[in-house]
């Protein structure tokens, strides 16, 4: 955190500049509030994909559009990795997006791009168009993640490392569970959607009243963990086309991105409480 008066770099959370002694609480609070808002943003956009899942199962597909199971799953993995690599590049090159654009402009652009990307991907049956929609979601999500990564890395770099590790292990565990015990996820769709909607409404109210709720991060982390397994299971129920592979990768990507954001928040809050105690 830079002092606005002498530009000296200070430790995250510092109240006074180590060089000139200027008070820094307002800047710290604004940054923390922005981080709190950004971590809630992902889950609210996520809700738009629920109806598309239902329509995808029922869609009529030309026999010539079908591909083998191996090719289908390879496309899912490849597109998913593409999105994660884009996020990594954004984290390495952009960092805090608020250095380049105001929060208001960013959030408007984020909502427009993410919703447009989900709608384009879910409504199109053209793999190229769906891939464009996928990237319209990946880029704003990546900017949210890059900003949060830089914020929490300033508090403690191990928060980011551990969040990545936990996210990877949970995603791998859900993959194994979805492959070995798919029946576990067969009837979860309605319940997960209802919990997600309730969580979004709860967090919007808490955000409006500026109430920090650490419990909701734990609920959301559990919810998106289950969504990873559920969307992996659902991806195997759709007609196996290139377009459906891209759409399935988008579902799983949003699950993983939201889980990573929530784990970052949980670990960051734990570290913050540990420093204050």
C-alpha atoms as a PDB file:
ATOM      1  CA  UNK A   1       0.000   0.000   0.000  1.00  0.00           C
ATOM      2  CA  UNK A   2       1.510   3.330  -1.077  1.00  0.00           C
ATOM      3  CA  UNK A   3       1.231   6.449   1.066  1.00  0.00           C
ATOM      4  CA  UNK A   4      -0.767   9.059  -0.891  1.00  0.00           C
ATOM      5  CA  UNK A   5       1.519  11.818   0.449  1.00  0.00           C
ATOM      6  CA  UNK A   6       5.087  10.538   0.137  1.00  0.00           C
ATOM      7  CA  UNK A   7       4.486   7.444  -2.075  1.00  0.00           C
ATOM      8  CA  UNK A   8       6.321   5.188   0.376  1.00  0.00           C
ATOM      9  CA  UNK A   9       5.321   1.517   0.175  1.00  0.00           C
ATOM     10  CA  UNK A  10       3.711   0.372   3.435  1.00  0.00           C
ATOM     11  CA  UNK A  11       2.669  -3.034   4.715  1.00  0.00           C
ATOM     12  CA  UNK A  12      -0.935  -4.034   3.959  1.00  0.00           C
ATOM     13  CA  UNK A  13      -3.248  -3.011   6.795  1.00  0.00           C
ATOM     14  CA  UNK A  14      -0.872  -0.357   8.138  1.00  0.00           C
ATOM     15  CA  UNK A  15      -2.605   2.627   9.747  1.00  0.00           C
ATOM     16  CA  UNK A  16       0.290   5.076   9.522  1.00  0.00           C
ATOM     17  CA  UNK A  17       2.979   5.625   6.898  1.00  0.00           C
ATOM     18  CA  UNK A  18       6.373   4.374   8.089  1.00  0.00           C
ATOM     19  CA  UNK A  19       8.081   7.298   6.359  1.00  0.00           C
ATOM     20  CA  UNK A  20       6.001  10.446   6.885  1.00  0.00           C
ATOM     21  CA  UNK A  21       3.590   9.229   9.576  1.00  0.00           C
ATOM     22  CA  UNK A  22       0.465  10.099   7.569  1.00  0.00           C
ATOM     23  CA  UNK A  23      -2.711   8.280   8.566  1.00  0.00           C
ATOM     24  CA  UNK A  24      -3.711   5.472   6.168  1.00  0.00           C
ATOM     25  CA  UNK A  25      -6.929   3.858   7.492  1.00  0.00           C
ATOM     26  CA  UNK A  26      -9.274   5.249   4.842  1.00  0.00           C
ATOM     27  CA  UNK A  27      -7.233   3.864   1.967  1.00  0.00           C
ATOM     28  CA  UNK A  28      -7.000   0.483   3.667  1.00  0.00           C
ATOM     29  CA  UNK A  29     -10.713   0.362   4.315  1.00  0.00           C
ATOM     30  CA  UNK A  30     -11.562   1.312   0.735  1.00  0.00           C
ATOM     31  CA  UNK A  31      -9.333  -1.432  -0.627  1.00  0.00           C
ATOM     32  CA  UNK A  32     -10.832  -3.987   1.735  1.00  0.00           C
ATOM     33  CA  UNK A  33     -14.358  -2.900   0.796  1.00  0.00           C
ATOM     34  CA  UNK A  34     -13.523  -3.244  -2.892  1.00  0.00           C
ATOM     35  CA  UNK A  35     -12.163  -6.737  -2.285  1.00  0.00           C
ATOM     36  CA  UNK A  36     -15.323  -7.670  -0.387  1.00  0.00           C
ATOM     37  CA  UNK A  37     -17.496  -6.450  -3.259  1.00  0.00           C
ATOM     38  CA  UNK A  38     -15.443  -8.225  -5.921  1.00  0.00           C
ATOM     39  CA  UNK A  39     -15.513 -11.598  -4.213  1.00  0.00           C
ATOM     40  CA  UNK A  40     -19.335 -11.439  -4.177  1.00  0.00           C
ATOM     41  CA  UNK A  41     -19.544 -10.498  -7.859  1.00  0.00           C
ATOM     42  CA  UNK A  42     -18.721 -13.889  -9.320  1.00  0.00           C
ATOM     43  CA  UNK A  43     -21.494 -15.879  -7.676  1.00  0.00           C
ATOM     44  CA  UNK A  44     -24.211 -13.438  -8.746  1.00  0.00           C
ATOM     45  CA  UNK A  45     -23.286 -13.821 -12.420  1.00  0.00           C
ATOM     46  CA  UNK A  46     -23.069 -17.601 -12.001  1.00  0.00           C
ATOM     47  CA  UNK A  47     -26.832 -17.915 -11.486  1.00  0.00           C
ATOM     48  CA  UNK A  48     -27.592 -17.107 -15.119  1.00  0.00           C
ATOM     49  CA  UNK A  49     -26.229 -20.469 -16.292  1.00  0.00           C
ATOM     50  CA  UNK A  50     -28.764 -22.704 -14.501  1.00  0.00           C
ATOM     51  CA  UNK A  51     -31.555 -22.638 -17.103  1.00  0.00           C
ATOM     52  CA  UNK A  52     -29.069 -23.182 -19.931  1.00  0.00           C
ATOM     53  CA  UNK A  53     -28.055 -26.519 -18.386  1.00  0.00           C
ATOM     54  CA  UNK A  54     -31.630 -27.791 -18.606  1.00  0.00           C
ATOM     55  CA  UNK A  55     -32.057 -26.706 -22.225  1.00  0.00           C
ATOM     56  CA  UNK A  56     -28.737 -28.240 -23.252  1.00  0.00           C
ATOM     57  CA  UNK A  57     -29.805 -31.745 -22.223  1.00  0.00           C
ATOM     58  CA  UNK A  58     -32.975 -31.566 -24.331  1.00  0.00           C
ATOM     59  CA  UNK A  59     -31.560 -29.943 -27.466  1.00  0.00           C
ATOM     60  CA  UNK A  60     -31.810 -31.774 -30.794  1.00  0.00           C
ATOM     61  CA  UNK A  61     -28.421 -32.474 -32.351  1.00  0.00           C
ATOM     62  CA  UNK A  62     -27.487 -33.553 -35.853  1.00  0.00           C
ATOM     63  CA  UNK A  63     -25.743 -36.964 -35.776  1.00  0.00           C
ATOM     64  CA  UNK A  64     -22.825 -35.512 -37.714  1.00  0.00           C
ATOM     65  CA  UNK A  65     -22.148 -33.012 -34.927  1.00  0.00           C
ATOM     66  CA  UNK A  66     -21.466 -35.734 -32.365  1.00  0.00           C
ATOM     67  CA  UNK A  67     -17.868 -36.533 -31.416  1.00  0.00           C
ATOM     68  CA  UNK A  68     -16.308 -39.385 -29.425  1.00  0.00           C
ATOM     69  CA  UNK A  69     -16.302 -39.402 -25.627  1.00  0.00           C
ATOM     70  CA  UNK A  70     -12.516 -38.979 -25.540  1.00  0.00           C
ATOM     71  CA  UNK A  71     -12.565 -36.025 -27.949  1.00  0.00           C
ATOM     72  CA  UNK A  72     -15.453 -34.431 -26.055  1.00  0.00           C
ATOM     73  CA  UNK A  73     -13.679 -34.627 -22.695  1.00  0.00           C
ATOM     74  CA  UNK A  74     -10.389 -33.491 -24.247  1.00  0.00           C
ATOM     75  CA  UNK A  75     -12.110 -30.326 -25.530  1.00  0.00           C
ATOM     76  CA  UNK A  76     -13.564 -29.651 -22.060  1.00  0.00           C
ATOM     77  CA  UNK A  77     -10.130 -29.996 -20.441  1.00  0.00           C
ATOM     78  CA  UNK A  78      -8.417 -27.928 -23.125  1.00  0.00           C
ATOM     79  CA  UNK A  79     -10.920 -25.060 -22.992  1.00  0.00           C
ATOM     80  CA  UNK A  80     -10.888 -25.102 -19.179  1.00  0.00           C
ATOM     81  CA  UNK A  81      -7.081 -24.938 -19.132  1.00  0.00           C
ATOM     82  CA  UNK A  82      -7.199 -22.081 -21.648  1.00  0.00           C
ATOM     83  CA  UNK A  83      -9.360 -20.063 -19.244  1.00  0.00           C
ATOM     84  CA  UNK A  84      -7.115 -20.813 -16.257  1.00  0.00           C
ATOM     85  CA  UNK A  85      -4.001 -19.847 -18.235  1.00  0.00           C
ATOM     86  CA  UNK A  86      -5.628 -16.545 -19.247  1.00  0.00           C
ATOM     87  CA  UNK A  87      -6.366 -15.897 -15.568  1.00  0.00           C
ATOM     88  CA  UNK A  88      -2.746 -16.667 -14.645  1.00  0.00           C
ATOM     89  CA  UNK A  89      -1.472 -14.252 -17.299  1.00  0.00           C
ATOM     90  CA  UNK A  90      -3.812 -11.526 -16.032  1.00  0.00           C
ATOM     91  CA  UNK A  91      -2.601 -12.079 -12.472  1.00  0.00           C
ATOM     92  CA  UNK A  92       1.021 -11.768 -13.603  1.00  0.00           C
ATOM     93  CA  UNK A  93       0.561  -8.749 -15.875  1.00  0.00           C
ATOM     94  CA  UNK A  94      -2.386  -6.705 -14.580  1.00  0.00           C
ATOM     95  CA  UNK A  95      -2.580  -7.166 -10.826  1.00  0.00           C
ATOM     96  CA  UNK A  96      -4.906  -4.627  -9.255  1.00  0.00           C
ATOM     97  CA  UNK A  97      -7.298  -3.537 -12.014  1.00  0.00           C
ATOM     98  CA  UNK A  98      -8.231  -0.407 -10.049  1.00  0.00           C
ATOM     99  CA  UNK A  99      -4.850   1.059 -10.914  1.00  0.00           C
ATOM    100  CA  UNK A 100      -6.129   1.445 -14.478  1.00  0.00           C
ATOM    101  CA  UNK A 101      -9.879   2.011 -14.190  1.00  0.00           C
ATOM    102  CA  UNK A 102     -12.341   3.273 -11.602  1.00  0.00           C
ATOM    103  CA  UNK A 103     -14.359   0.687  -9.621  1.00  0.00           C
ATOM    104  CA  UNK A 104     -17.668   1.935 -11.067  1.00  0.00           C
ATOM    105  CA  UNK A 105     -16.540   1.609 -14.680  1.00  0.00           C
ATOM    106  CA  UNK A 106     -14.977  -1.777 -13.983  1.00  0.00           C
ATOM    107  CA  UNK A 107     -18.068  -3.270 -12.349  1.00  0.00           C
ATOM    108  CA  UNK A 108     -20.323  -2.041 -15.151  1.00  0.00           C
ATOM    109  CA  UNK A 109     -17.983  -3.555 -17.726  1.00  0.00           C
ATOM    110  CA  UNK A 110     -17.655  -6.743 -15.676  1.00  0.00           C
ATOM    111  CA  UNK A 111     -21.406  -7.294 -15.438  1.00  0.00           C
ATOM    112  CA  UNK A 112     -22.002  -6.493 -19.122  1.00  0.00           C
ATOM    113  CA  UNK A 113     -19.186  -8.739 -20.380  1.00  0.00           C
ATOM    114  CA  UNK A 114     -19.894 -11.663 -18.058  1.00  0.00           C
ATOM    115  CA  UNK A 115     -23.645 -11.739 -18.684  1.00  0.00           C
ATOM    116  CA  UNK A 116     -23.130 -11.259 -22.437  1.00  0.00           C
ATOM    117  CA  UNK A 117     -20.588 -14.091 -22.461  1.00  0.00           C
ATOM    118  CA  UNK A 118     -22.904 -16.486 -20.623  1.00  0.00           C
ATOM    119  CA  UNK A 119     -25.848 -15.666 -22.880  1.00  0.00           C
ATOM    120  CA  UNK A 120     -23.774 -15.941 -26.060  1.00  0.00           C
ATOM    121  CA  UNK A 121     -22.268 -19.259 -25.026  1.00  0.00           C
ATOM    122  CA  UNK A 122     -25.515 -20.815 -23.772  1.00  0.00           C
ATOM    123  CA  UNK A 123     -27.688 -19.772 -26.740  1.00  0.00           C
ATOM    124  CA  UNK A 124     -25.244 -20.498 -29.529  1.00  0.00           C
ATOM    125  CA  UNK A 125     -24.751 -23.933 -31.073  1.00  0.00           C
ATOM    126  CA  UNK A 126     -21.681 -22.749 -32.953  1.00  0.00           C
ATOM    127  CA  UNK A 127     -18.451 -23.751 -31.220  1.00  0.00           C
ATOM    128  CA  UNK A 128     -16.565 -20.611 -32.301  1.00  0.00           C
ATOM    129  CA  UNK A 129     -19.311 -18.283 -31.048  1.00  0.00           C
ATOM    130  CA  UNK A 130     -19.523 -20.230 -27.781  1.00  0.00           C
ATOM    131  CA  UNK A 131     -15.746 -19.962 -27.363  1.00  0.00           C
ATOM    132  CA  UNK A 132     -15.966 -16.181 -27.831  1.00  0.00           C
ATOM    133  CA  UNK A 133     -18.664 -16.120 -25.151  1.00  0.00           C
ATOM    134  CA  UNK A 134     -16.424 -18.227 -22.907  1.00  0.00           C
ATOM    135  CA  UNK A 135     -13.619 -15.694 -23.196  1.00  0.00           C
ATOM    136  CA  UNK A 136     -16.010 -12.829 -22.467  1.00  0.00           C
ATOM    137  CA  UNK A 137     -16.568 -14.503 -19.086  1.00  0.00           C
ATOM    138  CA  UNK A 138     -12.957 -15.541 -18.472  1.00  0.00           C
ATOM    139  CA  UNK A 139     -11.461 -12.067 -18.903  1.00  0.00           C
ATOM    140  CA  UNK A 140     -13.609 -10.137 -16.371  1.00  0.00           C
ATOM    141  CA  UNK A 141     -13.437 -13.062 -13.928  1.00  0.00           C
ATOM    142  CA  UNK A 142      -9.665 -13.056 -14.385  1.00  0.00           C
ATOM    143  CA  UNK A 143      -9.475  -9.338 -13.613  1.00  0.00           C
ATOM    144  CA  UNK A 144     -11.464  -9.890 -10.412  1.00  0.00           C
ATOM    145  CA  UNK A 145      -9.127 -12.740  -9.453  1.00  0.00           C
ATOM    146  CA  UNK A 146      -5.967 -10.774 -10.313  1.00  0.00           C
ATOM    147  CA  UNK A 147      -7.095  -7.871  -8.121  1.00  0.00           C
ATOM    148  CA  UNK A 148      -7.947 -10.144  -5.201  1.00  0.00           C
ATOM    149  CA  UNK A 149      -4.707 -12.119  -5.587  1.00  0.00           C
ATOM    150  CA  UNK A 150      -2.654  -8.929  -5.357  1.00  0.00           C
ATOM    151  CA  UNK A 151      -4.709  -7.715  -2.377  1.00  0.00           C
ATOM    152  CA  UNK A 152      -4.284 -10.934  -0.388  1.00  0.00           C
ATOM    153  CA  UNK A 153      -0.668 -11.422  -1.483  1.00  0.00           C
ATOM    154  CA  UNK A 154       0.142  -8.113   0.193  1.00  0.00           C
ATOM    155  CA  UNK A 155      -1.329  -9.456   3.419  1.00  0.00           C
ATOM    156  CA  UNK A 156       0.498 -12.805   3.165  1.00  0.00           C
ATOM    157  CA  UNK A 157       1.671 -14.554  -0.044  1.00  0.00           C
ATOM    158  CA  UNK A 158       0.925 -17.951   1.523  1.00  0.00           C
ATOM    159  CA  UNK A 159      -2.802 -17.110   1.384  1.00  0.00           C
ATOM    160  CA  UNK A 160      -2.717 -17.207  -2.426  1.00  0.00           C
ATOM    161  CA  UNK A 161      -0.545 -20.336  -2.551  1.00  0.00           C
ATOM    162  CA  UNK A 162      -2.754 -22.215  -0.107  1.00  0.00           C
ATOM    163  CA  UNK A 163      -5.954 -21.057  -1.837  1.00  0.00           C
ATOM    164  CA  UNK A 164      -4.657 -22.410  -5.134  1.00  0.00           C
ATOM    165  CA  UNK A 165      -3.668 -25.721  -3.503  1.00  0.00           C
ATOM    166  CA  UNK A 166      -7.008 -26.162  -1.709  1.00  0.00           C
ATOM    167  CA  UNK A 167      -8.952 -25.311  -4.861  1.00  0.00           C
ATOM    168  CA  UNK A 168      -6.956 -27.818  -6.899  1.00  0.00           C
ATOM    169  CA  UNK A 169      -7.417 -30.590  -4.329  1.00  0.00           C
ATOM    170  CA  UNK A 170     -11.160 -29.954  -3.977  1.00  0.00           C
ATOM    171  CA  UNK A 171     -11.657 -29.844  -7.758  1.00  0.00           C
ATOM    172  CA  UNK A 172      -9.674 -33.067  -8.169  1.00  0.00           C
ATOM    173  CA  UNK A 173     -11.684 -34.716  -5.401  1.00  0.00           C
ATOM    174  CA  UNK A 174     -14.989 -33.684  -6.984  1.00  0.00           C
ATOM    175  CA  UNK A 175     -13.790 -34.993 -10.355  1.00  0.00           C
ATOM    176  CA  UNK A 176     -12.986 -38.394  -8.859  1.00  0.00           C
ATOM    177  CA  UNK A 177     -16.294 -38.459  -7.005  1.00  0.00           C
ATOM    178  CA  UNK A 178     -18.274 -37.500 -10.127  1.00  0.00           C
ATOM    179  CA  UNK A 179     -16.587 -40.258 -12.124  1.00  0.00           C
ATOM    180  CA  UNK A 180     -16.827 -43.005  -9.492  1.00  0.00           C
ATOM    181  CA  UNK A 181     -20.162 -42.075  -7.874  1.00  0.00           C
ATOM    182  CA  UNK A 182     -22.149 -40.010 -10.402  1.00  0.00           C
ATOM    183  CA  UNK A 183     -25.430 -40.914  -8.686  1.00  0.00           C
ATOM    184  CA  UNK A 184     -24.460 -38.600  -5.810  1.00  0.00           C
ATOM    185  CA  UNK A 185     -24.863 -35.570  -8.085  1.00  0.00           C
ATOM    186  CA  UNK A 186     -27.812 -36.797 -10.166  1.00  0.00           C
ATOM    187  CA  UNK A 187     -30.493 -35.051  -8.097  1.00  0.00           C
ATOM    188  CA  UNK A 188     -28.541 -32.104  -6.690  1.00  0.00           C
ATOM    189  CA  UNK A 189     -29.350 -29.525  -9.376  1.00  0.00           C
ATOM    190  CA  UNK A 190     -32.550 -28.087  -7.892  1.00  0.00           C
ATOM    191  CA  UNK A 191     -31.189 -27.988  -4.354  1.00  0.00           C
ATOM    192  CA  UNK A 192     -27.924 -26.325  -5.392  1.00  0.00           C
ATOM    193  CA  UNK A 193     -29.774 -23.724  -7.467  1.00  0.00           C
ATOM    194  CA  UNK A 194     -32.094 -22.850  -4.580  1.00  0.00           C
ATOM    195  CA  UNK A 195     -29.222 -22.520  -2.110  1.00  0.00           C
ATOM    196  CA  UNK A 196     -27.255 -20.376  -4.566  1.00  0.00           C
ATOM    197  CA  UNK A 197     -30.199 -18.034  -5.140  1.00  0.00           C
ATOM    198  CA  UNK A 198     -30.757 -17.695  -1.398  1.00  0.00           C
ATOM    199  CA  UNK A 199     -27.066 -17.045  -0.828  1.00  0.00           C
ATOM    200  CA  UNK A 200     -26.964 -14.329  -3.497  1.00  0.00           C
ATOM    201  CA  UNK A 201     -29.990 -12.554  -2.012  1.00  0.00           C
ATOM    202  CA  UNK A 202     -28.508 -12.805   1.480  1.00  0.00           C
ATOM    203  CA  UNK A 203     -25.163 -11.389   0.377  1.00  0.00           C
ATOM    204  CA  UNK A 204     -26.771  -8.538  -1.567  1.00  0.00           C
ATOM    205  CA  UNK A 205     -28.659  -7.488   1.569  1.00  0.00           C
ATOM    206  CA  UNK A 206     -25.539  -7.783   3.728  1.00  0.00           C
ATOM    207  CA  UNK A 207     -23.532  -5.811   1.166  1.00  0.00           C
ATOM    208  CA  UNK A 208     -26.124  -3.025   1.087  1.00  0.00           C
ATOM    209  CA  UNK A 209     -25.961  -2.749   4.873  1.00  0.00           C
ATOM    210  CA  UNK A 210     -22.163  -3.113   4.813  1.00  0.00           C
ATOM    211  CA  UNK A 211     -22.253  -6.144   7.071  1.00  0.00           C
ATOM    212  CA  UNK A 212     -19.316  -8.526   6.728  1.00  0.00           C
ATOM    213  CA  UNK A 213     -20.427 -12.159   6.913  1.00  0.00           C
ATOM    214  CA  UNK A 214     -17.620 -14.684   7.133  1.00  0.00           C
ATOM    215  CA  UNK A 215     -20.132 -17.539   7.403  1.00  0.00           C
ATOM    216  CA  UNK A 216     -21.420 -16.957   3.866  1.00  0.00           C
ATOM    217  CA  UNK A 217     -17.927 -17.540   2.454  1.00  0.00           C
ATOM    218  CA  UNK A 218     -17.872 -21.008   4.020  1.00  0.00           C
ATOM    219  CA  UNK A 219     -21.353 -21.760   2.677  1.00  0.00           C
ATOM    220  CA  UNK A 220     -20.384 -20.520  -0.779  1.00  0.00           C
ATOM    221  CA  UNK A 221     -17.143 -22.547  -0.754  1.00  0.00           C
ATOM    222  CA  UNK A 222     -19.089 -25.704   0.065  1.00  0.00           C
ATOM    223  CA  UNK A 223     -21.718 -24.864  -2.529  1.00  0.00           C
ATOM    224  CA  UNK A 224     -19.255 -24.300  -5.371  1.00  0.00           C
ATOM    225  CA  UNK A 225     -17.333 -27.433  -4.395  1.00  0.00           C
ATOM    226  CA  UNK A 226     -20.519 -29.421  -4.958  1.00  0.00           C
ATOM    227  CA  UNK A 227     -21.205 -27.479  -8.154  1.00  0.00           C
ATOM    228  CA  UNK A 228     -17.858 -28.641  -9.566  1.00  0.00           C
ATOM    229  CA  UNK A 229     -18.882 -32.263  -9.130  1.00  0.00           C
ATOM    230  CA  UNK A 230     -22.408 -31.552 -10.344  1.00  0.00           C
ATOM    231  CA  UNK A 231     -21.282 -29.775 -13.525  1.00  0.00           C
ATOM    232  CA  UNK A 232     -18.728 -32.483 -14.282  1.00  0.00           C
ATOM    233  CA  UNK A 233     -21.528 -35.038 -13.915  1.00  0.00           C
ATOM    234  CA  UNK A 234     -23.909 -32.937 -16.056  1.00  0.00           C
ATOM    235  CA  UNK A 235     -21.295 -32.465 -18.771  1.00  0.00           C
ATOM    236  CA  UNK A 236     -21.522 -36.196 -19.450  1.00  0.00           C
ATOM    237  CA  UNK A 237     -25.316 -36.062 -19.843  1.00  0.00           C
ATOM    238  CA  UNK A 238     -25.322 -33.544 -22.700  1.00  0.00           C
ATOM    239  CA  UNK A 239     -25.114 -34.573 -26.358  1.00  0.00           C
ATOM    240  CA  UNK A 240     -21.375 -34.854 -26.981  1.00  0.00           C
ATOM    241  CA  UNK A 241     -20.714 -32.026 -29.409  1.00  0.00           C
ATOM    242  CA  UNK A 242     -17.884 -29.503 -29.618  1.00  0.00           C
ATOM    243  CA  UNK A 243     -20.272 -26.720 -28.660  1.00  0.00           C
ATOM    244  CA  UNK A 244     -21.527 -28.536 -25.565  1.00  0.00           C
ATOM    245  CA  UNK A 245     -17.939 -29.249 -24.563  1.00  0.00           C
ATOM    246  CA  UNK A 246     -17.171 -25.505 -24.582  1.00  0.00           C
ATOM    247  CA  UNK A 247     -20.373 -24.729 -22.670  1.00  0.00           C
ATOM    248  CA  UNK A 248     -19.549 -27.408 -20.083  1.00  0.00           C
ATOM    249  CA  UNK A 249     -16.036 -25.997 -19.688  1.00  0.00           C
ATOM    250  CA  UNK A 250     -17.609 -22.594 -18.963  1.00  0.00           C
ATOM    251  CA  UNK A 251     -19.795 -24.084 -16.215  1.00  0.00           C
ATOM    252  CA  UNK A 252     -16.853 -25.837 -14.576  1.00  0.00           C
ATOM    253  CA  UNK A 253     -14.603 -22.793 -14.976  1.00  0.00           C
ATOM    254  CA  UNK A 254     -17.069 -20.567 -13.107  1.00  0.00           C
ATOM    255  CA  UNK A 255     -17.353 -23.169 -10.333  1.00  0.00           C
ATOM    256  CA  UNK A 256     -13.577 -23.293  -9.889  1.00  0.00           C
ATOM    257  CA  UNK A 257     -13.126 -19.513 -10.122  1.00  0.00           C
ATOM    258  CA  UNK A 258     -15.840 -18.874  -7.528  1.00  0.00           C
ATOM    259  CA  UNK A 259     -14.414 -21.535  -5.213  1.00  0.00           C
ATOM    260  CA  UNK A 260     -10.926 -20.012  -5.468  1.00  0.00           C
ATOM    261  CA  UNK A 261     -12.278 -16.537  -4.681  1.00  0.00           C
ATOM    262  CA  UNK A 262     -14.123 -17.801  -1.592  1.00  0.00           C
ATOM    263  CA  UNK A 263     -11.139 -19.769  -0.303  1.00  0.00           C
ATOM    264  CA  UNK A 264      -8.977 -16.654  -0.731  1.00  0.00           C
ATOM    265  CA  UNK A 265     -11.489 -14.743   1.375  1.00  0.00           C
ATOM    266  CA  UNK A 266     -11.677 -17.432   4.074  1.00  0.00           C
ATOM    267  CA  UNK A 267      -7.893 -17.692   4.405  1.00  0.00           C
ATOM    268  CA  UNK A 268      -7.495 -13.904   4.301  1.00  0.00           C
ATOM    269  CA  UNK A 269     -10.094 -13.412   7.038  1.00  0.00           C
ATOM    270  CA  UNK A 270      -8.433 -16.074   9.198  1.00  0.00           C
ATOM    271  CA  UNK A 271      -5.051 -14.402   8.791  1.00  0.00           C
ATOM    272  CA  UNK A 272      -6.548 -10.998   9.602  1.00  0.00           C
ATOM    273  CA  UNK A 273      -8.246 -12.281  12.759  1.00  0.00           C
ATOM    274  CA  UNK A 274      -4.993 -13.981  13.784  1.00  0.00           C
ATOM    275  CA  UNK A 275      -3.084 -10.711  13.529  1.00  0.00           C
ATOM    276  CA  UNK A 276      -5.663  -8.839  15.597  1.00  0.00           C
ATOM    277  CA  UNK A 277      -5.842 -11.422  18.376  1.00  0.00           C
END
